[in-house]
Amino acid sequence: MNILEKANEIVNLRKEEKERQYGPFEDGMERAAKILSGMTGLILDAEFMYKALIALKLSRESYNHKEDNLLDAVAYLASLNNYINNKNNNK
């Protein structure tokens, strides 16, 4: 299975499993943005959090190739796309 198929499985097909452990992923990103905003005094949003995690995975990949780095980056990109689409659909 290629990383795009794996990312789809993680992001779109296992949602219920992840919600049982950590709550909905989008809610977690919004909560993390609020926490980081409080820690830094900056106004940050969930989209920033997705982008920060993507940057972290690509930074790790720049040191040493591991498929997991790329898989996580692609999964975060897919999740970001879902988040933006959901946000726009709810407007």
C-alpha atoms as a PDB file:
ATOM      1  CA  MET A   1       0.000   0.000   0.000  1.00  0.00           C
ATOM      2  CA  ASN A   2       1.424   3.422  -0.877  1.00  0.00           C
ATOM      3  CA  ILE A   3       1.570   6.304   1.594  1.00  0.00           C
ATOM      4  CA  LEU A   4      -1.419   8.090   0.039  1.00  0.00           C
ATOM      5  CA  GLU A   5      -3.610   5.041   0.615  1.00  0.00           C
ATOM      6  CA  LYS A   6      -2.250   4.682   4.155  1.00  0.00           C
ATOM      7  CA  ALA A   7      -2.868   8.370   4.854  1.00  0.00           C
ATOM      8  CA  ASN A   8      -6.450   8.042   3.621  1.00  0.00           C
ATOM      9  CA  GLU A   9      -6.925   5.054   5.910  1.00  0.00           C
ATOM     10  CA  ILE A  10      -5.554   6.990   8.883  1.00  0.00           C
ATOM     11  CA  VAL A  11      -7.416  10.226   8.207  1.00  0.00           C
ATOM     12  CA  ASN A  12     -10.715   9.087   6.766  1.00  0.00           C
ATOM     13  CA  LEU A  13     -11.303   5.457   7.672  1.00  0.00           C
ATOM     14  CA  ARG A  14     -10.151   5.226  11.318  1.00  0.00           C
ATOM     15  CA  LYS A  15     -11.789   8.362  12.611  1.00  0.00           C
ATOM     16  CA  GLU A  16     -13.936   6.615  15.220  1.00  0.00           C
ATOM     17  CA  GLU A  17     -10.966   4.765  16.693  1.00  0.00           C
ATOM     18  CA  LYS A  18      -9.004   7.986  17.160  1.00  0.00           C
ATOM     19  CA  GLU A  19     -11.984   9.837  18.649  1.00  0.00           C
ATOM     20  CA  ARG A  20     -12.283   7.209  21.379  1.00  0.00           C
ATOM     21  CA  GLN A  21      -8.662   7.752  22.398  1.00  0.00           C
ATOM     22  CA  TYR A  22      -8.079  11.477  21.979  1.00  0.00           C
ATOM     23  CA  GLY A  23     -11.315  13.099  20.878  1.00  0.00           C
ATOM     24  CA  PRO A  24     -11.999  14.409  17.387  1.00  0.00           C
ATOM     25  CA  PHE A  25      -8.745  15.372  15.644  1.00  0.00           C
ATOM     26  CA  GLU A  26     -10.059  18.752  14.444  1.00  0.00           C
ATOM     27  CA  ASP A  27     -11.152  19.644  17.982  1.00  0.00           C
ATOM     28  CA  GLY A  28      -7.724  18.674  19.265  1.00  0.00           C
ATOM     29  CA  MET A  29      -6.032  20.968  16.767  1.00  0.00           C
ATOM     30  CA  GLU A  30      -8.311  23.849  17.775  1.00  0.00           C
ATOM     31  CA  ARG A  31      -7.595  23.188  21.447  1.00  0.00           C
ATOM     32  CA  ALA A  32      -3.830  22.963  20.805  1.00  0.00           C
ATOM     33  CA  ALA A  33      -3.974  26.319  18.982  1.00  0.00           C
ATOM     34  CA  LYS A  34      -5.681  27.915  22.007  1.00  0.00           C
ATOM     35  CA  ILE A  35      -3.111  26.447  24.376  1.00  0.00           C
ATOM     36  CA  LEU A  36      -0.190  27.590  22.210  1.00  0.00           C
ATOM     37  CA  SER A  37      -1.783  31.023  21.851  1.00  0.00           C
ATOM     38  CA  GLY A  38      -1.959  31.268  25.640  1.00  0.00           C
ATOM     39  CA  MET A  39       1.643  30.150  25.987  1.00  0.00           C
ATOM     40  CA  THR A  40       3.021  32.589  23.415  1.00  0.00           C
ATOM     41  CA  GLY A  41       0.636  35.548  23.491  1.00  0.00           C
ATOM     42  CA  LEU A  42       0.186  35.117  19.733  1.00  0.00           C
ATOM     43  CA  ILE A  43      -3.174  34.573  18.099  1.00  0.00           C
ATOM     44  CA  LEU A  44      -2.905  31.172  16.426  1.00  0.00           C
ATOM     45  CA  ASP A  45      -5.568  28.965  14.888  1.00  0.00           C
ATOM     46  CA  ALA A  46      -6.012  25.291  14.052  1.00  0.00           C
ATOM     47  CA  GLU A  47      -4.756  25.807  10.488  1.00  0.00           C
ATOM     48  CA  PHE A  48      -1.486  27.065  11.959  1.00  0.00           C
ATOM     49  CA  MET A  49      -1.233  23.912  14.075  1.00  0.00           C
ATOM     50  CA  TYR A  50      -1.695  21.645  11.058  1.00  0.00           C
ATOM     51  CA  LYS A  51       0.985  23.587   9.177  1.00  0.00           C
ATOM     52  CA  ALA A  52       3.364  23.473  12.144  1.00  0.00           C
ATOM     53  CA  LEU A  53       3.051  19.687  12.376  1.00  0.00           C
ATOM     54  CA  ILE A  54       3.590  19.341   8.610  1.00  0.00           C
ATOM     55  CA  ALA A  55       6.703  21.505   8.927  1.00  0.00           C
ATOM     56  CA  LEU A  56       7.962  19.362  11.815  1.00  0.00           C
ATOM     57  CA  LYS A  57       7.566  16.159   9.795  1.00  0.00           C
ATOM     58  CA  LEU A  58       9.331  17.658   6.777  1.00  0.00           C
ATOM     59  CA  SER A  59      12.113  18.945   9.041  1.00  0.00           C
ATOM     60  CA  ARG A  60      12.610  15.448  10.437  1.00  0.00           C
ATOM     61  CA  GLU A  61      12.624  14.036   6.908  1.00  0.00           C
ATOM     62  CA  SER A  62      15.378  16.492   5.936  1.00  0.00           C
ATOM     63  CA  TYR A  63      17.679  14.803   8.467  1.00  0.00           C
ATOM     64  CA  ASN A  64      16.851  11.207   7.736  1.00  0.00           C
ATOM     65  CA  HIS A  65      14.383   9.548   5.401  1.00  0.00           C
ATOM     66  CA  LYS A  66      11.731   7.560   7.208  1.00  0.00           C
ATOM     67  CA  GLU A  67       8.507   6.669   5.471  1.00  0.00           C
ATOM     68  CA  ASP A  68       6.638   7.531   8.664  1.00  0.00           C
ATOM     69  CA  ASN A  69       7.727  11.183   8.328  1.00  0.00           C
ATOM     70  CA  LEU A  70       6.223  11.401   4.861  1.00  0.00           C
ATOM     71  CA  LEU A  71       3.135   9.410   5.833  1.00  0.00           C
ATOM     72  CA  ASP A  72       2.425  11.733   8.749  1.00  0.00           C
ATOM     73  CA  ALA A  73       3.031  14.841   6.605  1.00  0.00           C
ATOM     74  CA  VAL A  74       0.604  13.582   3.949  1.00  0.00           C
ATOM     75  CA  ALA A  75      -1.949  12.646   6.620  1.00  0.00           C
ATOM     76  CA  TYR A  76      -1.691  16.127   8.169  1.00  0.00           C
ATOM     77  CA  LEU A  77      -2.117  17.680   4.714  1.00  0.00           C
ATOM     78  CA  ALA A  78      -5.233  15.584   4.118  1.00  0.00           C
ATOM     79  CA  SER A  79      -6.570  16.476   7.554  1.00  0.00           C
ATOM     80  CA  LEU A  80      -5.908  20.163   6.912  1.00  0.00           C
ATOM     81  CA  ASN A  81      -7.808  19.937   3.641  1.00  0.00           C
ATOM     82  CA  ASN A  82     -10.738  18.250   5.425  1.00  0.00           C
ATOM     83  CA  TYR A  83     -10.651  20.910   8.145  1.00  0.00           C
ATOM     84  CA  ILE A  84     -10.722  23.782   5.652  1.00  0.00           C
ATOM     85  CA  ASN A  85     -13.512  22.135   3.634  1.00  0.00           C
ATOM     86  CA  ASN A  86     -15.575  21.484   6.770  1.00  0.00           C
ATOM     87  CA  LYS A  87     -15.045  25.039   7.962  1.00  0.00           C
ATOM     88  CA  ASN A  88     -16.119  26.464   4.593  1.00  0.00           C
ATOM     89  CA  ASN A  89     -19.156  24.176   4.406  1.00  0.00           C
ATOM     90  CA  ASN A  90     -20.301  25.283   7.860  1.00  0.00           C
ATOM     91  CA  LYS A  91     -20.226  28.988   6.944  1.00  0.00           C
END
